[in-house]
Amino acid sequence: MAVVLALALSGCGSNAPLENDTSSVEQRLLKLEQQVERLEARFAVQPPYRNKAEIQAHIEALEAERNELLTRHLPQHPYIKDIDRRLGILNSQLKMLE
């Protein structure tokens, strides 16, 4: 896949040496692969939570992740909105258990 991507990008009219193109393409490919891994992890199906402690622990973890993401993204960013949506669901589940 990297070779195909490198060939496609090298045919874009760049005057830089092929070595620079290859390392640049490899860096870009690595970044894209990391993004895919993060996105796939976000949509992994999680088992249902069975008690208040599990729900509360997950809420705390999501809030910590949200705070960390807010150092790089605005509240309107899809990552933040996704966490807000999940927090809403978990808080609703927590209220139903009380």
N, C-alpha and C. Protein backbone atom coordinates (compact mmCIF):
# COMPACT_ATOMS: atom_id res chain seq x y z
N MET A 1 0.82 -1.18 0.00
CA MET A 1 0.00 0.00 0.00
C MET A 1 0.87 1.25 0.00
N ALA A 2 1.96 1.23 0.80
CA ALA A 2 2.84 2.39 0.88
C ALA A 2 3.48 2.67 -0.47
N VAL A 3 3.80 1.61 -1.20
CA VAL A 3 4.43 1.79 -2.51
C VAL A 3 3.45 2.44 -3.47
N VAL A 4 2.21 2.00 -3.46
CA VAL A 4 1.19 2.57 -4.33
C VAL A 4 0.98 4.04 -4.00
N LEU A 5 0.92 4.34 -2.70
CA LEU A 5 0.73 5.72 -2.27
C LEU A 5 1.94 6.56 -2.66
N ALA A 6 3.14 6.02 -2.50
CA ALA A 6 4.35 6.75 -2.86
C ALA A 6 4.38 7.03 -4.36
N LEU A 7 4.01 6.04 -5.16
CA LEU A 7 4.00 6.25 -6.61
C LEU A 7 2.96 7.28 -7.02
N ALA A 8 1.81 7.22 -6.38
CA ALA A 8 0.76 8.18 -6.71
C ALA A 8 1.17 9.60 -6.35
N LEU A 9 1.78 9.75 -5.19
CA LEU A 9 2.19 11.09 -4.76
C LEU A 9 3.41 11.59 -5.52
N SER A 10 4.30 10.69 -5.91
CA SER A 10 5.49 11.13 -6.64
C SER A 10 5.11 11.59 -8.06
N GLY A 11 4.01 11.14 -8.56
CA GLY A 11 3.56 11.55 -9.88
C GLY A 11 2.83 12.87 -9.88
N CYS A 12 2.82 13.57 -8.76
CA CYS A 12 2.09 14.83 -8.64
C CYS A 12 2.90 16.03 -9.10
N GLY A 13 4.05 15.80 -9.71
CA GLY A 13 4.82 16.90 -10.27
C GLY A 13 5.82 17.51 -9.32
N SER A 14 6.17 16.83 -8.25
CA SER A 14 7.14 17.35 -7.30
C SER A 14 8.53 17.32 -7.91
N ASN A 15 9.32 18.38 -7.68
CA ASN A 15 10.69 18.43 -8.17
C ASN A 15 11.68 17.95 -7.12
N ALA A 16 11.25 17.57 -5.93
CA ALA A 16 12.12 17.10 -4.87
C ALA A 16 12.66 15.73 -5.22
N PRO A 17 13.82 15.38 -4.67
CA PRO A 17 14.37 14.05 -4.92
C PRO A 17 13.43 12.98 -4.41
N LEU A 18 13.54 11.80 -5.02
CA LEU A 18 12.66 10.68 -4.67
C LEU A 18 12.80 10.29 -3.21
N GLU A 19 14.01 10.39 -2.64
CA GLU A 19 14.22 10.02 -1.24
C GLU A 19 13.37 10.89 -0.32
N ASN A 20 13.34 12.18 -0.57
CA ASN A 20 12.52 13.08 0.25
C ASN A 20 11.05 12.76 0.10
N ASP A 21 10.63 12.45 -1.12
CA ASP A 21 9.24 12.09 -1.37
C ASP A 21 8.88 10.83 -0.58
N THR A 22 9.77 9.85 -0.60
CA THR A 22 9.50 8.58 0.07
C THR A 22 9.38 8.78 1.57
N SER A 23 10.31 9.52 2.16
CA SER A 23 10.24 9.71 3.61
C SER A 23 9.02 10.55 3.98
N SER A 24 8.68 11.52 3.17
CA SER A 24 7.51 12.34 3.42
C SER A 24 6.24 11.50 3.31
N VAL A 25 6.18 10.66 2.31
CA VAL A 25 5.02 9.79 2.12
C VAL A 25 4.92 8.80 3.27
N GLU A 26 6.06 8.27 3.71
CA GLU A 26 6.04 7.33 4.82
C GLU A 26 5.55 8.00 6.10
N GLN A 27 5.98 9.23 6.33
CA GLN A 27 5.53 9.97 7.51
C GLN A 27 4.02 10.22 7.43
N ARG A 28 3.56 10.62 6.28
CA ARG A 28 2.12 10.88 6.09
C ARG A 28 1.32 9.59 6.27
N LEU A 29 1.83 8.51 5.73
CA LEU A 29 1.16 7.22 5.86
C LEU A 29 1.09 6.79 7.32
N LEU A 30 2.17 6.99 8.06
CA LEU A 30 2.18 6.66 9.48
C LEU A 30 1.14 7.47 10.23
N LYS A 31 1.05 8.76 9.94
CA LYS A 31 0.05 9.60 10.59
C LYS A 31 -1.36 9.13 10.27
N LEU A 32 -1.60 8.79 9.00
CA LEU A 32 -2.93 8.32 8.61
C LEU A 32 -3.27 7.00 9.28
N GLU A 33 -2.30 6.10 9.38
CA GLU A 33 -2.54 4.83 10.05
C GLU A 33 -2.88 5.04 11.52
N GLN A 34 -2.20 5.99 12.17
CA GLN A 34 -2.50 6.29 13.57
C GLN A 34 -3.90 6.86 13.72
N GLN A 35 -4.31 7.71 12.78
CA GLN A 35 -5.65 8.27 12.83
C GLN A 35 -6.70 7.17 12.67
N VAL A 36 -6.45 6.24 11.76
CA VAL A 36 -7.39 5.13 11.55
C VAL A 36 -7.50 4.31 12.82
N GLU A 37 -6.37 4.02 13.46
CA GLU A 37 -6.40 3.24 14.69
C GLU A 37 -7.21 3.95 15.78
N ARG A 38 -7.02 5.27 15.91
CA ARG A 38 -7.78 6.03 16.91
C ARG A 38 -9.28 6.00 16.60
N LEU A 39 -9.62 6.16 15.33
CA LEU A 39 -11.04 6.16 14.96
C LEU A 39 -11.66 4.79 15.16
N GLU A 40 -10.94 3.74 14.80
CA GLU A 40 -11.47 2.40 14.99
C GLU A 40 -11.67 2.11 16.48
N ALA A 41 -10.77 2.57 17.31
CA ALA A 41 -10.89 2.34 18.75
C ALA A 41 -12.10 3.07 19.32
N ARG A 42 -12.44 4.22 18.79
CA ARG A 42 -13.58 4.99 19.28
C ARG A 42 -14.90 4.27 19.05
N PHE A 43 -15.00 3.52 17.98
CA PHE A 43 -16.27 2.91 17.64
C PHE A 43 -16.33 1.44 18.03
N ALA A 44 -15.39 1.01 18.85
CA ALA A 44 -15.43 -0.36 19.32
C ALA A 44 -16.66 -0.55 20.20
N VAL A 45 -17.31 -1.68 20.05
CA VAL A 45 -18.51 -1.96 20.84
C VAL A 45 -18.07 -2.30 22.26
N GLN A 46 -18.66 -1.61 23.20
CA GLN A 46 -18.33 -1.84 24.60
C GLN A 46 -19.44 -2.64 25.26
N PRO A 47 -19.07 -3.51 26.19
CA PRO A 47 -20.11 -4.26 26.88
C PRO A 47 -20.93 -3.33 27.76
N PRO A 48 -22.17 -3.70 28.03
CA PRO A 48 -23.00 -2.84 28.88
C PRO A 48 -22.45 -2.80 30.30
N TYR A 49 -22.65 -1.69 30.96
CA TYR A 49 -22.20 -1.55 32.33
C TYR A 49 -23.27 -2.10 33.24
N ARG A 50 -22.84 -2.79 34.27
CA ARG A 50 -23.80 -3.50 35.11
C ARG A 50 -24.10 -2.81 36.44
N ASN A 51 -23.21 -1.94 36.89
CA ASN A 51 -23.47 -1.31 38.18
C ASN A 51 -23.00 0.13 38.18
N LYS A 52 -23.36 0.84 39.25
CA LYS A 52 -23.03 2.27 39.35
C LYS A 52 -21.53 2.52 39.29
N ALA A 53 -20.76 1.66 39.95
CA ALA A 53 -19.31 1.87 40.01
C ALA A 53 -18.69 1.80 38.62
N GLU A 54 -19.12 0.85 37.81
CA GLU A 54 -18.60 0.74 36.44
C GLU A 54 -18.97 1.96 35.61
N ILE A 55 -20.21 2.38 35.73
CA ILE A 55 -20.67 3.55 34.97
C ILE A 55 -19.91 4.79 35.41
N GLN A 56 -19.78 4.99 36.73
CA GLN A 56 -19.09 6.16 37.24
C GLN A 56 -17.63 6.17 36.82
N ALA A 57 -16.98 5.00 36.84
CA ALA A 57 -15.58 4.92 36.42
C ALA A 57 -15.44 5.29 34.95
N HIS A 58 -16.38 4.85 34.14
CA HIS A 58 -16.32 5.18 32.71
C HIS A 58 -16.58 6.67 32.48
N ILE A 59 -17.50 7.22 33.25
CA ILE A 59 -17.77 8.67 33.14
C ILE A 59 -16.50 9.45 33.47
N GLU A 60 -15.83 9.06 34.54
CA GLU A 60 -14.60 9.75 34.92
C GLU A 60 -13.52 9.64 33.85
N ALA A 61 -13.41 8.46 33.25
CA ALA A 61 -12.42 8.27 32.19
C ALA A 61 -12.75 9.13 30.97
N LEU A 62 -14.04 9.19 30.61
CA LEU A 62 -14.44 10.01 29.47
C LEU A 62 -14.24 11.49 29.75
N GLU A 63 -14.51 11.91 30.97
CA GLU A 63 -14.30 13.31 31.32
C GLU A 63 -12.82 13.67 31.25
N ALA A 64 -11.96 12.76 31.68
CA ALA A 64 -10.51 13.01 31.59
C ALA A 64 -10.08 13.09 30.13
N GLU A 65 -10.60 12.17 29.30
CA GLU A 65 -10.27 12.20 27.87
C GLU A 65 -10.77 13.49 27.23
N ARG A 66 -11.98 13.91 27.62
CA ARG A 66 -12.55 15.15 27.07
C ARG A 66 -11.68 16.35 27.44
N ASN A 67 -11.26 16.43 28.69
CA ASN A 67 -10.41 17.53 29.12
C ASN A 67 -9.08 17.55 28.36
N GLU A 68 -8.53 16.38 28.12
CA GLU A 68 -7.27 16.29 27.38
C GLU A 68 -7.48 16.73 25.93
N LEU A 69 -8.58 16.32 25.32
CA LEU A 69 -8.88 16.70 23.94
C LEU A 69 -9.15 18.20 23.81
N LEU A 70 -9.72 18.78 24.86
CA LEU A 70 -10.01 20.22 24.81
C LEU A 70 -8.74 21.07 24.80
N THR A 71 -7.61 20.48 25.12
CA THR A 71 -6.35 21.23 25.02
C THR A 71 -5.93 21.39 23.56
N ARG A 72 -6.50 20.55 22.66
CA ARG A 72 -6.15 20.60 21.25
C ARG A 72 -7.31 20.95 20.33
N HIS A 73 -8.56 20.76 20.80
CA HIS A 73 -9.73 20.93 19.95
C HIS A 73 -10.76 21.84 20.61
N LEU A 74 -11.58 22.45 19.79
CA LEU A 74 -12.69 23.26 20.29
C LEU A 74 -13.85 22.35 20.70
N PRO A 75 -14.76 22.83 21.55
CA PRO A 75 -15.90 22.00 21.98
C PRO A 75 -16.78 21.51 20.83
N GLN A 76 -16.73 22.17 19.67
CA GLN A 76 -17.55 21.76 18.53
C GLN A 76 -16.91 20.62 17.73
N HIS A 77 -15.70 20.23 18.07
CA HIS A 77 -15.00 19.19 17.31
C HIS A 77 -15.75 17.86 17.45
N PRO A 78 -15.78 17.06 16.39
CA PRO A 78 -16.49 15.76 16.45
C PRO A 78 -16.04 14.85 17.59
N TYR A 79 -14.76 14.84 17.92
CA TYR A 79 -14.29 14.01 19.04
C TYR A 79 -14.97 14.43 20.34
N ILE A 80 -15.03 15.74 20.56
CA ILE A 80 -15.62 16.26 21.80
C ILE A 80 -17.12 15.98 21.81
N LYS A 81 -17.77 16.21 20.67
CA LYS A 81 -19.21 15.95 20.58
C LYS A 81 -19.53 14.48 20.83
N ASP A 82 -18.68 13.58 20.33
CA ASP A 82 -18.88 12.15 20.55
C ASP A 82 -18.79 11.82 22.04
N ILE A 83 -17.79 12.38 22.70
CA ILE A 83 -17.65 12.13 24.14
C ILE A 83 -18.84 12.71 24.90
N ASP A 84 -19.28 13.90 24.52
CA ASP A 84 -20.44 14.51 25.17
C ASP A 84 -21.68 13.62 25.01
N ARG A 85 -21.84 13.05 23.83
CA ARG A 85 -22.98 12.16 23.58
C ARG A 85 -22.90 10.93 24.48
N ARG A 86 -21.72 10.34 24.55
CA ARG A 86 -21.55 9.14 25.38
C ARG A 86 -21.72 9.47 26.86
N LEU A 87 -21.24 10.65 27.28
CA LEU A 87 -21.43 11.06 28.68
C LEU A 87 -22.92 11.22 28.99
N GLY A 88 -23.67 11.77 28.05
CA GLY A 88 -25.11 11.91 28.25
C GLY A 88 -25.79 10.57 28.44
N ILE A 89 -25.41 9.60 27.63
CA ILE A 89 -25.99 8.26 27.74
C ILE A 89 -25.64 7.64 29.09
N LEU A 90 -24.37 7.74 29.48
CA LEU A 90 -23.94 7.15 30.74
C LEU A 90 -24.60 7.82 31.93
N ASN A 91 -24.74 9.14 31.87
CA ASN A 91 -25.41 9.84 32.97
C ASN A 91 -26.88 9.44 33.06
N SER A 92 -27.52 9.20 31.93
CA SER A 92 -28.92 8.73 31.93
C SER A 92 -29.00 7.34 32.56
N GLN A 93 -28.06 6.47 32.19
CA GLN A 93 -28.04 5.12 32.77
C GLN A 93 -27.81 5.18 34.27
N LEU A 94 -26.93 6.08 34.68
CA LEU A 94 -26.65 6.22 36.12
C LEU A 94 -27.89 6.67 36.87
N LYS A 95 -28.64 7.62 36.30
CA LYS A 95 -29.86 8.10 36.95
C LYS A 95 -30.91 6.99 37.05
N MET A 96 -30.97 6.13 36.04
CA MET A 96 -31.96 5.04 36.07
C MET A 96 -31.62 4.02 37.17
N LEU A 97 -30.36 3.89 37.52
CA LEU A 97 -29.97 2.95 38.56
C LEU A 97 -30.19 3.50 39.96
N GLU A 98 -30.37 4.81 40.09
CA GLU A 98 -30.54 5.41 41.41
C GLU A 98 -31.95 5.29 41.91
